[in-house]
Amino acid sequence: MTPLSEMRHEYLNIREQMRDMVQRAKSEGRDLNGEENANFLKMHQRQEELQSAIDARGIIAGMETET
């Protein structure tokens, strides 16, 4: 099982990459191109997967403290 800290680190790393990608395109006065857009969507999907896993860990931790 991947440690929670690693999942959070990956989530934040992806977020920063996405922000940089958008900022780079904006600074060039354009939208994301096809390849950038595809990568952006993949990163977003991975971010959602990580967030779901992080949330689930929180729920499980809360259940464990109830006993």
Protein backbone atom coordinates (compact mmCIF):
# COMPACT_ATOMS: atom_id res chain seq x y z
CA MET A 1 0.00 0.00 0.00
CA THR A 2 1.35 3.40 -0.97
CA PRO A 3 1.98 5.65 2.03
CA LEU A 4 -0.43 8.55 2.39
CA SER A 5 2.42 11.06 2.32
CA GLU A 6 3.56 9.75 -1.07
CA MET A 7 0.04 10.05 -2.49
CA ARG A 8 -0.26 13.63 -1.23
CA HIS A 9 3.16 14.49 -2.64
CA GLU A 10 2.23 13.04 -6.04
CA TYR A 11 -1.09 14.90 -5.99
CA LEU A 12 0.63 18.23 -5.31
CA ASN A 13 3.34 17.51 -7.87
CA ILE A 14 0.74 16.84 -10.56
CA ARG A 15 -1.13 20.00 -9.57
CA GLU A 16 2.04 22.04 -9.99
CA GLN A 17 2.76 20.47 -13.39
CA MET A 18 -0.77 21.26 -14.55
CA ARG A 19 -0.48 24.85 -13.34
CA ASP A 20 2.89 25.26 -15.10
CA MET A 21 1.49 23.85 -18.34
CA VAL A 22 -1.44 26.28 -18.34
CA GLN A 23 0.76 29.20 -17.33
CA ARG A 24 3.24 28.45 -20.12
CA ALA A 25 0.47 28.40 -22.73
CA LYS A 26 -1.02 31.61 -21.33
CA SER A 27 2.34 33.36 -21.43
CA GLU A 28 2.57 32.40 -25.10
CA GLY A 29 -0.93 33.77 -25.71
CA ARG A 30 -2.49 30.47 -26.64
CA ASP A 31 -4.62 27.60 -25.42
CA LEU A 32 -3.22 24.17 -24.70
CA ASN A 33 -2.37 22.30 -27.89
CA GLY A 34 -3.66 18.78 -28.55
CA GLU A 35 -0.77 16.98 -26.87
CA GLU A 36 -0.79 19.32 -23.88
CA ASN A 37 -4.54 18.96 -23.51
CA ALA A 38 -4.31 15.16 -23.59
CA ASN A 39 -1.56 15.23 -20.95
CA PHE A 40 -3.56 17.70 -18.86
CA LEU A 41 -6.58 15.40 -18.90
CA LYS A 42 -4.45 12.37 -17.95
CA MET A 43 -2.92 14.30 -15.07
CA HIS A 44 -6.35 15.44 -13.95
CA GLN A 45 -7.63 11.86 -14.01
CA ARG A 46 -4.65 10.71 -11.93
CA GLN A 47 -5.28 13.55 -9.51
CA GLU A 48 -8.88 12.43 -9.07
CA GLU A 49 -7.74 8.84 -8.46
CA LEU A 50 -5.28 10.03 -5.83
CA GLN A 51 -7.88 12.24 -4.15
CA SER A 52 -10.31 9.32 -3.94
CA ALA A 53 -7.62 7.14 -2.39
CA ILE A 54 -6.64 9.88 0.07
CA ASP A 55 -10.29 10.40 1.03
CA ALA A 56 -10.80 6.67 1.51
CA ARG A 57 -7.79 6.50 3.81
CA GLY A 58 -9.29 9.31 5.89
CA ILE A 59 -12.60 7.49 6.17
CA ILE A 60 -10.87 4.27 7.17
CA ALA A 61 -8.77 6.08 9.75
CA GLY A 62 -11.92 7.63 11.21
CA MET A 63 -13.60 4.22 11.42
CA GLU A 64 -10.59 2.76 13.19
CA THR A 65 -10.72 5.44 15.90
CA GLU A 66 -14.41 4.71 16.55
CA THR A 67 -13.65 1.28 17.98
